[in-house]
Amino acid sequence: MSSSEIWNRVNNIISSSYCKSLTTNEAETLLEIQELKNEETKISTAETVLKLDLIDAYTQRVKKIKKLEKFLDLADELKDNKKLRSDIRDILLTGNEKFTLSSKRTVVPN
C-alpha cells in the first residue's frame, strides 16, 4: 500500500462517524498518525527545497564554467595572435584614445 493510500484511509477514518466512538487510546493513536503525516509533509517540502537549491547551484556552476571556457578561448586566441597582443600592449602602454585592432574591432579605453 502506498503512502498516499495510507493517508487517504487515515483521513477517511478521521472524518467518519467512527471517529466519534473512539477510545482515548485510539484517538491518541490517530493524532500521532496525523502528526506523522504532518512531519512527512514537512520532510517532503524540505527535500523539494534542497533539490531546487542543488539545481540552482548546479546551474550557477555551469554558467561559471561557460564563462571560464569563453575566457580560455579568448586567452588561446590572444596567445596565437601576435598582432592582437601587440595592439593590446600598445593600448595599455601609450594610453591613446583610439586604436583599431588587427581583428577590425575599435577599442576606446576608459
Protein backbone atom coordinates (compact mmCIF):
# COMPACT_ATOMS: atom_id res chain seq x y z
CA MET A 1 0.00 0.00 0.00
CA SER A 2 1.41 3.38 -0.95
CA SER A 3 1.89 6.27 1.42
CA SER A 4 -0.91 8.28 -0.17
CA GLU A 5 -3.31 5.34 0.14
CA ILE A 6 -2.48 5.03 3.83
CA TRP A 7 -3.09 8.74 4.41
CA ASN A 8 -6.37 8.58 2.48
CA ARG A 9 -7.56 5.77 4.74
CA VAL A 10 -6.49 7.70 7.85
CA ASN A 11 -8.34 10.80 6.65
CA ASN A 12 -11.45 8.75 5.91
CA ILE A 13 -11.38 7.30 9.41
CA ILE A 14 -10.87 10.71 10.99
CA SER A 15 -13.68 12.31 9.02
CA SER A 16 -16.13 9.44 9.54
CA SER A 17 -18.60 8.98 12.36
CA TYR A 18 -16.43 6.09 13.53
CA CYS A 19 -14.08 8.68 14.98
CA LYS A 20 -16.74 9.80 17.48
CA SER A 21 -16.83 6.38 19.12
CA LEU A 22 -13.06 6.00 19.52
CA THR A 23 -11.46 5.25 22.85
CA THR A 24 -8.87 7.63 24.23
CA ASN A 25 -6.01 5.37 23.12
CA GLU A 26 -7.41 5.06 19.60
CA ALA A 27 -7.88 8.82 19.37
CA GLU A 28 -4.32 9.42 20.58
CA THR A 29 -3.04 6.93 18.03
CA LEU A 30 -4.91 8.73 15.25
CA LEU A 31 -3.47 12.06 16.43
CA GLU A 32 0.03 10.57 16.39
CA ILE A 33 -0.60 9.29 12.87
CA GLN A 34 -1.73 12.74 11.79
CA GLU A 35 1.37 14.30 13.37
CA LEU A 36 3.49 11.79 11.45
CA LYS A 37 1.71 12.82 8.27
CA ASN A 38 2.49 16.47 9.01
CA GLU A 39 6.14 15.57 9.63
CA GLU A 40 6.23 13.61 6.37
CA THR A 41 4.84 16.66 4.55
CA LYS A 42 7.49 18.90 6.14
CA ILE A 43 10.24 16.46 5.17
CA SER A 44 8.90 16.22 1.62
CA THR A 45 8.83 20.02 1.37
CA ALA A 46 12.38 20.25 2.74
CA GLU A 47 13.55 17.64 0.22
CA THR A 48 11.97 19.64 -2.60
CA VAL A 49 13.66 22.84 -1.41
CA LEU A 50 17.01 21.05 -1.21
CA LYS A 51 16.57 19.67 -4.72
CA LEU A 52 15.77 23.15 -6.02
CA ASP A 53 18.83 24.55 -4.22
CA LEU A 54 21.00 21.85 -5.77
CA ILE A 55 19.61 22.59 -9.22
CA ASP A 56 20.28 26.31 -8.71
CA ALA A 57 23.84 25.65 -7.50
CA TYR A 58 24.47 23.37 -10.48
CA THR A 59 23.08 26.00 -12.88
CA GLN A 60 25.35 28.67 -11.37
CA ARG A 61 28.33 26.33 -11.69
CA VAL A 62 27.54 25.62 -15.34
CA LYS A 63 27.32 29.38 -16.01
CA LYS A 64 30.72 29.92 -14.37
CA ILE A 65 32.23 27.07 -16.37
CA LYS A 66 30.86 28.55 -19.61
CA LYS A 67 32.35 31.96 -18.72
CA LEU A 68 35.67 30.29 -17.96
CA GLU A 69 35.56 28.42 -21.28
CA LYS A 70 34.97 31.72 -23.11
CA PHE A 71 37.87 33.31 -21.22
CA LEU A 72 40.14 30.36 -22.07
CA ASP A 73 39.11 30.59 -25.73
CA LEU A 74 40.00 34.29 -25.73
CA ALA A 75 43.29 33.52 -23.99
CA ASP A 76 44.09 30.91 -26.66
CA GLU A 77 43.18 33.39 -29.39
CA LEU A 78 45.41 36.01 -27.78
CA LYS A 79 48.27 33.55 -27.36
CA ASP A 80 48.10 32.62 -31.04
CA ASN A 81 47.68 36.18 -32.35
CA LYS A 82 50.90 38.20 -32.01
CA LYS A 83 49.43 41.26 -33.74
CA LEU A 84 46.47 41.34 -31.33
CA ARG A 85 48.86 41.05 -28.36
CA SER A 86 50.94 43.87 -29.77
CA ASP A 87 47.85 46.07 -30.26
CA ILE A 88 46.69 45.45 -26.68
CA ARG A 89 50.18 46.18 -25.32
CA ASP A 90 50.30 49.44 -27.30
CA ILE A 91 46.91 50.49 -25.92
CA LEU A 92 47.99 49.72 -22.37
CA LEU A 93 51.41 51.40 -22.66
CA THR A 94 50.53 54.53 -24.64
CA GLY A 95 47.05 55.22 -23.29
CA ASN A 96 45.99 56.54 -26.70
CA GLU A 97 42.30 57.21 -27.03
CA LYS A 98 41.67 55.03 -30.02
CA PHE A 99 43.29 52.06 -31.73
CA THR A 100 42.00 49.82 -34.46
CA LEU A 101 42.93 46.27 -33.65
CA SER A 102 44.03 43.78 -36.25
CA SER A 103 40.75 41.99 -35.76
CA LYS A 104 39.00 45.14 -37.07
CA ARG A 105 37.49 46.00 -33.70
CA THR A 106 37.83 49.55 -32.47
CA VAL A 107 38.79 49.93 -28.83
CA VAL A 108 38.31 53.13 -26.90
CA PRO A 109 39.95 52.93 -23.45
CA ASN A 110 38.13 54.43 -20.47
